[in-house]
């Protein structure tokens, strides 16, 4: 969902493929240290220069594969 807030564009986290570490912490409802560990463990960590991003789609697939039934 894309919305405008004044002059800014607001995009929901579920519509974004790459999340910043802050956004990923909100997405997972966990602290920064644990989200960094999960991003590395799942192979979803993505570096673009100095920016550290998390591939949400890759993380979601990893979660689905590691969910106990």
PDB file of N, CA and C in Angstrom:
ATOM      1  N   UNK A   1       0.839  -1.169   0.000  1.00  0.00           N
ATOM      2  CA  UNK A   1       0.000   0.000   0.000  1.00  0.00           C
ATOM      3  C   UNK A   1       0.884   1.233   0.000  1.00  0.00           C
ATOM      4  N   UNK A   2       0.623   2.136  -0.902  1.00  0.00           N
ATOM      5  CA  UNK A   2       1.367   3.385  -0.994  1.00  0.00           C
ATOM      6  C   UNK A   2       0.416   4.521  -0.668  1.00  0.00           C
ATOM      7  N   UNK A   3       0.858   5.401   0.198  1.00  0.00           N
ATOM      8  CA  UNK A   3       0.043   6.554   0.578  1.00  0.00           C
ATOM      9  C   UNK A   3       0.940   7.776   0.640  1.00  0.00           C
ATOM     10  N   UNK A   4       0.347   8.912   0.594  1.00  0.00           N
ATOM     11  CA  UNK A   4       1.110  10.154   0.713  1.00  0.00           C
ATOM     12  C   UNK A   4       0.803  10.806   2.048  1.00  0.00           C
ATOM     13  N   UNK A   5       1.853  11.226   2.717  1.00  0.00           N
ATOM     14  CA  UNK A   5       1.724  11.935   3.987  1.00  0.00           C
ATOM     15  C   UNK A   5       2.420  13.278   3.792  1.00  0.00           C
ATOM     16  N   UNK A   6       1.666  14.279   3.422  1.00  0.00           N
ATOM     17  CA  UNK A   6       2.273  15.560   3.068  1.00  0.00           C
ATOM     18  C   UNK A   6       3.043  15.382   1.779  1.00  0.00           C
ATOM     19  N   UNK A   7       4.338  15.625   1.797  1.00  0.00           N
ATOM     20  CA  UNK A   7       5.179  15.434   0.621  1.00  0.00           C
ATOM     21  C   UNK A   7       5.886  14.096   0.614  1.00  0.00           C
ATOM     22  N   UNK A   8       5.700  13.287   1.664  1.00  0.00           N
ATOM     23  CA  UNK A   8       6.394  12.008   1.775  1.00  0.00           C
ATOM     24  C   UNK A   8       5.528  10.869   1.261  1.00  0.00           C
ATOM     25  N   UNK A   9       6.179   9.857   0.704  1.00  0.00           N
ATOM     26  CA  UNK A   9       5.493   8.644   0.282  1.00  0.00           C
ATOM     27  C   UNK A   9       5.652   7.619   1.391  1.00  0.00           C
ATOM     28  N   UNK A  10       4.558   7.001   1.802  1.00  0.00           N
ATOM     29  CA  UNK A  10       4.576   6.006   2.875  1.00  0.00           C
ATOM     30  C   UNK A  10       4.263   4.644   2.262  1.00  0.00           C
ATOM     31  N   UNK A  11       5.173   3.678   2.465  1.00  0.00           N
ATOM     32  CA  UNK A  11       5.010   2.328   1.937  1.00  0.00           C
ATOM     33  C   UNK A  11       5.005   1.367   3.119  1.00  0.00           C
ATOM     34  N   UNK A  12       4.042   0.454   3.166  1.00  0.00           N
ATOM     35  CA  UNK A  12       3.974  -0.494   4.277  1.00  0.00           C
ATOM     36  C   UNK A  12       5.121  -1.499   4.177  1.00  0.00           C
ATOM     37  N   UNK A  13       5.529  -2.064   5.316  1.00  0.00           N
ATOM     38  CA  UNK A  13       6.641  -3.009   5.348  1.00  0.00           C
ATOM     39  C   UNK A  13       6.355  -4.252   4.527  1.00  0.00           C
ATOM     40  N   UNK A  14       5.103  -4.664   4.450  1.00  0.00           N
ATOM     41  CA  UNK A  14       4.756  -5.866   3.699  1.00  0.00           C
ATOM     42  C   UNK A  14       4.902  -5.663   2.187  1.00  0.00           C
ATOM     43  N   UNK A  15       4.992  -4.419   1.744  1.00  0.00           N
ATOM     44  CA  UNK A  15       5.166  -4.133   0.318  1.00  0.00           C
ATOM     45  C   UNK A  15       6.629  -3.966  -0.076  1.00  0.00           C
ATOM     46  N   UNK A  16       7.525  -3.894   0.898  1.00  0.00           N
ATOM     47  CA  UNK A  16       8.935  -3.692   0.617  1.00  0.00           C
ATOM     48  C   UNK A  16       9.671  -5.025   0.584  1.00  0.00           C
ATOM     49  N   UNK A  17      10.583  -5.193  -0.348  1.00  0.00           N
ATOM     50  CA  UNK A  17      11.386  -6.422  -0.424  1.00  0.00           C
ATOM     51  C   UNK A  17      12.594  -6.317   0.495  1.00  0.00           C
ATOM     52  N   UNK A  18      13.294  -5.188   0.462  1.00  0.00           N
ATOM     53  CA  UNK A  18      14.480  -4.988   1.298  1.00  0.00           C
ATOM     54  C   UNK A  18      14.141  -4.056   2.449  1.00  0.00           C
ATOM     55  N   UNK A  19      14.441  -4.514   3.666  1.00  0.00           N
ATOM     56  CA  UNK A  19      14.156  -3.730   4.861  1.00  0.00           C
ATOM     57  C   UNK A  19      15.456  -3.304   5.522  1.00  0.00           C
ATOM     58  N   UNK A  20      15.465  -2.101   6.076  1.00  0.00           N
ATOM     59  CA  UNK A  20      16.600  -1.683   6.892  1.00  0.00           C
ATOM     60  C   UNK A  20      16.564  -2.497   8.182  1.00  0.00           C
ATOM     61  N   UNK A  21      17.637  -2.470   8.947  1.00  0.00           N
ATOM     62  CA  UNK A  21      17.672  -3.220  10.198  1.00  0.00           C
ATOM     63  C   UNK A  21      16.598  -2.715  11.162  1.00  0.00           C
ATOM     64  N   UNK A  22      16.353  -1.406  11.193  1.00  0.00           N
ATOM     65  CA  UNK A  22      15.301  -0.854  12.048  1.00  0.00           C
ATOM     66  C   UNK A  22      13.923  -1.366  11.620  1.00  0.00           C
ATOM     67  N   UNK A  23      13.661  -1.360  10.315  1.00  0.00           N
ATOM     68  CA  UNK A  23      12.383  -1.852   9.809  1.00  0.00           C
ATOM     69  C   UNK A  23      12.234  -3.353  10.077  1.00  0.00           C
ATOM     70  N   UNK A  24      13.345  -4.093   9.921  1.00  0.00           N
ATOM     71  CA  UNK A  24      13.317  -5.532  10.153  1.00  0.00           C
ATOM     72  C   UNK A  24      13.028  -5.846  11.616  1.00  0.00           C
ATOM     73  N   UNK A  25      13.564  -5.045  12.522  1.00  0.00           N
ATOM     74  CA  UNK A  25      13.286  -5.234  13.950  1.00  0.00           C
ATOM     75  C   UNK A  25      11.797  -5.021  14.229  1.00  0.00           C
ATOM     76  N   UNK A  26      11.202  -4.036  13.583  1.00  0.00           N
ATOM     77  CA  UNK A  26       9.763  -3.798  13.729  1.00  0.00           C
ATOM     78  C   UNK A  26       8.991  -4.959  13.110  1.00  0.00           C
ATOM     79  N   UNK A  27       9.408  -5.414  11.929  1.00  0.00           N
ATOM     80  CA  UNK A  27       8.745  -6.507  11.211  1.00  0.00           C
ATOM     81  C   UNK A  27       8.725  -7.787  12.040  1.00  0.00           C
ATOM     82  N   UNK A  28       9.843  -8.086  12.723  1.00  0.00           N
ATOM     83  CA  UNK A  28       9.943  -9.323  13.500  1.00  0.00           C
ATOM     84  C   UNK A  28       9.505  -9.150  14.949  1.00  0.00           C
ATOM     85  N   UNK A  29       9.342  -7.928  15.400  1.00  0.00           N
ATOM     86  CA  UNK A  29       9.000  -7.615  16.797  1.00  0.00           C
ATOM     87  C   UNK A  29      10.045  -8.151  17.758  1.00  0.00           C
ATOM     88  N   UNK A  30      11.314  -8.008  17.356  1.00  0.00           N
ATOM     89  CA  UNK A  30      12.434  -8.448  18.189  1.00  0.00           C
ATOM     90  C   UNK A  30      13.456  -7.327  18.291  1.00  0.00           C
ATOM     91  N   UNK A  31      14.414  -7.510  19.175  1.00  0.00           N
ATOM     92  CA  UNK A  31      15.463  -6.519  19.364  1.00  0.00           C
ATOM     93  C   UNK A  31      16.481  -6.536  18.230  1.00  0.00           C
ATOM     94  N   UNK A  32      17.316  -5.514  18.208  1.00  0.00           N
ATOM     95  CA  UNK A  32      18.293  -5.352  17.131  1.00  0.00           C
ATOM     96  C   UNK A  32      19.322  -6.486  17.076  1.00  0.00           C
ATOM     97  N   UNK A  33      19.815  -6.931  18.229  1.00  0.00           N
ATOM     98  CA  UNK A  33      20.822  -7.991  18.224  1.00  0.00           C
ATOM     99  C   UNK A  33      20.258  -9.294  17.681  1.00  0.00           C
ATOM    100  N   UNK A  34      19.073  -9.659  18.118  1.00  0.00           N
ATOM    101  CA  UNK A  34      18.460 -10.903  17.665  1.00  0.00           C
ATOM    102  C   UNK A  34      18.085 -10.838  16.187  1.00  0.00           C
ATOM    103  N   UNK A  35      17.616  -9.693  15.716  1.00  0.00           N
ATOM    104  CA  UNK A  35      17.251  -9.580  14.301  1.00  0.00           C
ATOM    105  C   UNK A  35      18.484  -9.685  13.422  1.00  0.00           C
ATOM    106  N   UNK A  36      19.600  -9.142  13.875  1.00  0.00           N
ATOM    107  CA  UNK A  36      20.848  -9.267  13.106  1.00  0.00           C
ATOM    108  C   UNK A  36      21.267 -10.737  13.021  1.00  0.00           C
ATOM    109  N   UNK A  37      21.171 -11.458  14.137  1.00  0.00           N
ATOM    110  CA  UNK A  37      21.496 -12.889  14.149  1.00  0.00           C
ATOM    111  C   UNK A  37      20.586 -13.664  13.197  1.00  0.00           C
ATOM    112  N   UNK A  38      19.290 -13.379  13.253  1.00  0.00           N
ATOM    113  CA  UNK A  38      18.335 -14.072  12.382  1.00  0.00           C
ATOM    114  C   UNK A  38      18.578 -13.772  10.908  1.00  0.00           C
ATOM    115  N   UNK A  39      18.905 -12.535  10.596  1.00  0.00           N
ATOM    116  CA  UNK A  39      19.169 -12.167   9.207  1.00  0.00           C
ATOM    117  C   UNK A  39      20.394 -12.919   8.681  1.00  0.00           C
ATOM    118  N   UNK A  40      21.428 -13.032   9.504  1.00  0.00           N
ATOM    119  CA  UNK A  40      22.637 -13.762   9.099  1.00  0.00           C
ATOM    120  C   UNK A  40      22.345 -15.257   8.995  1.00  0.00           C
ATOM    121  N   UNK A  41      21.656 -15.808   9.981  1.00  0.00           N
ATOM    122  CA  UNK A  41      21.348 -17.233  10.016  1.00  0.00           C
ATOM    123  C   UNK A  41      20.492 -17.658   8.827  1.00  0.00           C
ATOM    124  N   UNK A  42      19.554 -16.828   8.452  1.00  0.00           N
ATOM    125  CA  UNK A  42      18.637 -17.155   7.361  1.00  0.00           C
ATOM    126  C   UNK A  42      19.243 -16.896   5.982  1.00  0.00           C
ATOM    127  N   UNK A  43      20.370 -16.221   5.922  1.00  0.00           N
ATOM    128  CA  UNK A  43      20.975 -15.899   4.637  1.00  0.00           C
ATOM    129  C   UNK A  43      20.291 -14.737   3.945  1.00  0.00           C
ATOM    130  N   UNK A  44      19.522 -13.967   4.698  1.00  0.00           N
ATOM    131  CA  UNK A  44      18.759 -12.867   4.113  1.00  0.00           C
ATOM    132  C   UNK A  44      19.474 -11.519   4.224  1.00  0.00           C
ATOM    133  N   UNK A  45      20.664 -11.508   4.821  1.00  0.00           N
ATOM    134  CA  UNK A  45      21.407 -10.260   4.978  1.00  0.00           C
ATOM    135  C   UNK A  45      21.931  -9.811   3.619  1.00  0.00           C
ATOM    136  N   UNK A  46      21.756  -8.549   3.309  1.00  0.00           N
ATOM    137  CA  UNK A  46      22.128  -7.993   2.011  1.00  0.00           C
ATOM    138  C   UNK A  46      22.882  -6.698   2.252  1.00  0.00           C
ATOM    139  N   UNK A  47      24.084  -6.594   1.728  1.00  0.00           N
ATOM    140  CA  UNK A  47      24.871  -5.377   1.909  1.00  0.00           C
ATOM    141  C   UNK A  47      24.934  -4.614   0.592  1.00  0.00           C
ATOM    142  N   UNK A  48      24.620  -3.343   0.671  1.00  0.00           N
ATOM    143  CA  UNK A  48      24.702  -2.434  -0.473  1.00  0.00           C
ATOM    144  C   UNK A  48      25.610  -1.288  -0.048  1.00  0.00           C
ATOM    145  N   UNK A  49      26.901  -1.436  -0.321  1.00  0.00           N
ATOM    146  CA  UNK A  49      27.860  -0.452   0.172  1.00  0.00           C
ATOM    147  C   UNK A  49      27.936  -0.555   1.678  1.00  0.00           C
ATOM    148  N   UNK A  50      27.696   0.543   2.367  1.00  0.00           N
ATOM    149  CA  UNK A  50      27.718   0.545   3.832  1.00  0.00           C
ATOM    150  C   UNK A  50      26.360   0.210   4.438  1.00  0.00           C
ATOM    151  N   UNK A  51      25.335   0.172   3.605  1.00  0.00           N
ATOM    152  CA  UNK A  51      23.987  -0.118   4.111  1.00  0.00           C
ATOM    153  C   UNK A  51      23.817  -1.610   4.310  1.00  0.00           C
ATOM    154  N   UNK A  52      23.195  -1.969   5.396  1.00  0.00           N
ATOM    155  CA  UNK A  52      22.871  -3.361   5.688  1.00  0.00           C
ATOM    156  C   UNK A  52      21.360  -3.488   5.610  1.00  0.00           C
ATOM    157  N   UNK A  53      20.901  -4.353   4.698  1.00  0.00           N
ATOM    158  CA  UNK A  53      19.481  -4.549   4.465  1.00  0.00           C
ATOM    159  C   UNK A  53      19.152  -6.020   4.644  1.00  0.00           C
ATOM    160  N   UNK A  54      17.878  -6.317   4.786  1.00  0.00           N
ATOM    161  CA  UNK A  54      17.420  -7.685   4.936  1.00  0.00           C
ATOM    162  C   UNK A  54      16.390  -7.964   3.848  1.00  0.00           C
ATOM    163  N   UNK A  55      16.584  -9.067   3.139  1.00  0.00           N
ATOM    164  CA  UNK A  55      15.654  -9.498   2.101  1.00  0.00           C
ATOM    165  C   UNK A  55      14.466 -10.171   2.787  1.00  0.00           C
ATOM    166  N   UNK A  56      13.355  -9.462   2.835  1.00  0.00           N
ATOM    167  CA  UNK A  56      12.175  -9.935   3.556  1.00  0.00           C
ATOM    168  C   UNK A  56      11.626 -11.221   2.952  1.00  0.00           C
ATOM    169  N   UNK A  57      11.603 -11.323   1.625  1.00  0.00           N
ATOM    170  CA  UNK A  57      11.066 -12.513   0.970  1.00  0.00           C
ATOM    171  C   UNK A  57      11.916 -13.741   1.299  1.00  0.00           C
ATOM    172  N   UNK A  58      13.232 -13.582   1.284  1.00  0.00           N
ATOM    173  CA  UNK A  58      14.131 -14.691   1.609  1.00  0.00           C
ATOM    174  C   UNK A  58      13.972 -15.096   3.073  1.00  0.00           C
ATOM    175  N   UNK A  59      13.828 -14.119   3.959  1.00  0.00           N
ATOM    176  CA  UNK A  59      13.624 -14.413   5.374  1.00  0.00           C
ATOM    177  C   UNK A  59      12.296 -15.138   5.592  1.00  0.00           C
ATOM    178  N   UNK A  60      11.234 -14.702   4.919  1.00  0.00           N
ATOM    179  CA  UNK A  60       9.930 -15.350   5.053  1.00  0.00           C
ATOM    180  C   UNK A  60       9.984 -16.802   4.587  1.00  0.00           C
ATOM    181  N   UNK A  61      10.684 -17.072   3.467  1.00  0.00           N
ATOM    182  CA  UNK A  61      10.835 -18.446   2.986  1.00  0.00           C
ATOM    183  C   UNK A  61      11.588 -19.292   4.006  1.00  0.00           C
ATOM    184  N   UNK A  62      12.656 -18.727   4.590  1.00  0.00           N
ATOM    185  CA  UNK A  62      13.456 -19.438   5.589  1.00  0.00           C
ATOM    186  C   UNK A  62      12.569 -19.769   6.792  1.00  0.00           C
ATOM    187  N   UNK A  63      11.752 -18.827   7.236  1.00  0.00           N
ATOM    188  CA  UNK A  63      10.846 -19.069   8.368  1.00  0.00           C
ATOM    189  C   UNK A  63       9.868 -20.194   8.045  1.00  0.00           C
ATOM    190  N   UNK A  64       9.318 -20.196   6.835  1.00  0.00           N
ATOM    191  CA  UNK A  64       8.378 -21.234   6.440  1.00  0.00           C
ATOM    192  C   UNK A  64       9.039 -22.612   6.443  1.00  0.00           C
ATOM    193  N   UNK A  65      10.298 -22.678   6.009  1.00  0.00           N
ATOM    194  CA  UNK A  65      11.023 -23.953   5.968  1.00  0.00           C
ATOM    195  C   UNK A  65      11.398 -24.450   7.358  1.00  0.00           C
ATOM    196  N   UNK A  66      11.561 -23.541   8.314  1.00  0.00           N
ATOM    197  CA  UNK A  66      12.008 -23.916   9.652  1.00  0.00           C
ATOM    198  C   UNK A  66      10.908 -23.857  10.714  1.00  0.00           C
ATOM    199  N   UNK A  67       9.676 -23.851  10.264  1.00  0.00           N
ATOM    200  CA  UNK A  67       8.546 -23.849  11.182  1.00  0.00           C
ATOM    201  C   UNK A  67       8.178 -25.297  11.502  1.00  0.00           C
ATOM    202  N   UNK A  68       8.054 -25.599  12.772  1.00  0.00           N
ATOM    203  CA  UNK A  68       7.667 -26.948  13.173  1.00  0.00           C
ATOM    204  C   UNK A  68       6.157 -27.093  13.027  1.00  0.00           C
ATOM    205  N   UNK A  69       5.759 -28.206  12.478  1.00  0.00           N
ATOM    206  CA  UNK A  69       4.324 -28.451  12.267  1.00  0.00           C
ATOM    207  C   UNK A  69       3.691 -29.069  13.485  1.00  0.00           C
TER     208      UNK A  69
END
